[in-house]
Amino acid sequence: MASLADATPPIALGPLDGRYRETVAPLVDHLSEPALNRARVKVEV
């Protein structure tokens, strides 16, 4: 699975994805819209 931190073009849904991207880069796989959707699928399954 590819890391969302390496997405091209970057997916900026909010300040954590855009302006603070470098600071939260290690957490981007947990703080993004796709991460939220993955968690929802795990709960539903």
Protein backbone atom coordinates (compact mmCIF):
# COMPACT_ATOMS: atom_id res chain seq x y z
CA MET A 1 0.00 0.00 0.00
CA ALA A 2 1.39 3.41 -0.98
CA SER A 3 1.77 6.10 1.65
CA LEU A 4 -0.58 9.06 1.41
CA ALA A 5 2.33 11.32 2.34
CA ASP A 6 3.79 10.59 -1.11
CA ALA A 7 0.59 11.29 -3.08
CA THR A 8 1.09 13.39 -6.21
CA PRO A 9 -0.51 15.89 -6.37
CA PRO A 10 -0.75 16.24 -2.59
CA ILE A 11 -4.23 15.75 -1.20
CA ALA A 12 -4.90 18.80 1.01
CA LEU A 13 -8.27 18.46 2.70
CA GLY A 14 -7.47 20.81 5.56
CA PRO A 15 -4.63 22.55 7.42
CA LEU A 16 -3.17 19.26 8.62
CA ASP A 17 -2.83 18.06 5.03
CA GLY A 18 -1.74 21.41 3.58
CA ARG A 19 0.04 24.02 5.62
CA TYR A 20 1.19 21.65 8.41
CA ARG A 21 1.94 18.74 6.07
CA GLU A 22 5.64 18.53 6.95
CA THR A 23 4.92 18.52 10.68
CA VAL A 24 2.27 15.79 10.56
CA ALA A 25 3.78 13.76 7.70
CA PRO A 26 4.39 10.71 9.94
CA LEU A 27 0.68 10.72 10.85
CA VAL A 28 -0.83 11.43 7.43
CA ASP A 29 -1.91 7.82 6.97
CA HIS A 30 -4.09 8.24 10.08
CA LEU A 31 -5.32 11.84 9.61
CA SER A 32 -6.63 11.81 6.05
CA GLU A 33 -9.98 11.21 4.40
CA PRO A 34 -8.85 7.86 2.94
CA ALA A 35 -7.69 6.80 6.43
CA LEU A 36 -11.11 7.66 7.81
CA ASN A 37 -12.78 5.60 5.09
CA ARG A 38 -10.48 2.62 5.78
CA ALA A 39 -11.39 2.77 9.48
CA ARG A 40 -15.09 2.93 8.65
CA VAL A 41 -14.82 -0.14 6.42
CA LYS A 42 -12.97 -2.08 9.14
CA VAL A 43 -15.69 -1.24 11.66
CA GLU A 44 -18.49 -2.19 9.28
CA VAL A 45 -16.87 -5.46 8.27
